[in-house]
């Protein structure tokens, strides 16, 4: 055991003192924040670009119903435009309507792809125009339709609040919970690749430099593999904990820059919520819109089940890392300086990780779907998929079953990888296949 602790200490200290570790620990959260805000900014900018569309062949009622939004699509009824001259006249596209009001299939010609946002917006406008036309045919005036629409659009607002046994309330945000779970799943997906590859490269370097021959003369190959896995895993866990502390610190510091009057209004809203009232009800003049939004944001953050998320994240990070890193170590022990050999042997290991990400990203809106449930139980994908479900609540039996399967899974993969490792680490000049490694793993010794 003392020899394993020495390997763990060596792997941990060597990597923590590395400049790359320090830079990635403090710069990666900042880069992620800039990436999120940058993509949001550019997506908003692109969505706000105005598309000028000429409308021709009006059946007689579209002009009064099809109105353009200057921030999205600007419709212009111009009889002189056709699909051959609309570019010269300065239009992005020309929409050809049908004289047959029963035919709702249209053609739009454009100088470049308008994009799904613009096409969807135009389709919604056309559907609304036909709907208004039908209402007018029933005797309802368009002025009345517009008046009702203005009064009802965006008038409803729902705040989801959970009540505990003591009567205290806590606001929850299902969308934010799902986003947090998705981010946690992505982090595990990325770290399994990063730290798994780090284990594999470390084993490969020691083998190609012949250092492994010296080390295994005084320590068993399985102990060497286990020490490297635990040491590098401790580095990853340290980095993740530092990220949590850094982000929590940034959030705490950000609150210090909120004006005192805003914080006072936020406290007033909190007192209303604790007393069972709807926050802001009957006091719209006393509470600013900024305070109301900050109150909702803070309550959404505080309403996230952080203890459940962080504790399960640590478990699935460690479980997933141990499950896959032992396999990465086994692959590293049989590779002889050939990158193509490494890629071909890595494929069966990386495919389940990628498959878990596909399940997570394609089923986030349905966390209780069969794909998500089984993906969160099977150990090959559970470290990634379970994090997408945990924030919204998971039945205890599914969580326990998932954890038990993952523990059993990494015990099996560690045992199997250890038997492969002890043979492959001292084998040179021969390419090993998965068939041969399977024989090494299950042969009697």
Foldseek 3Di string as FASTA:
>chain_A
DVLLVVLLVVLQVVVCPDPVLVCCLPVVVVVVVCVVVVVVVVVVVVQQDEAEEEEEDDLPQLVVQQQDDRRHYHYHHDHVDDLPCCVVVPGQKYKYDDNPPVDPDTDIHGPDDPDPSNVVVVSVSSVRSVVVVVVVVVPDDPVVVVVVCVVPVPPDDDWDWDADPVRFIFTADLVVLLVQLQVLLVVLLVVLVVLLLVLLVVLLVCLQVVVVVVVCVPPPLLSSSSSNLNSSLVSVVVSVVSNVVVVVVVVVVVVVPDDPLLVVLLVVQSVCVRVPHHRPPPPVVVHDPVSVVVSSVVSHVVRFPVVQLVVLSSLLSSLLNLLQSLVSNLLSLQDAPDVVLSVVSCVVLSVLSVVLSVLSVVCLVPCPDPSLLVLLQALSNNSNSVSSVRRVHDPPVSVVNSSVNSVVNSVLSSLQSSQSNSVSNPDPDDHDDPVNSNCSSPPDD
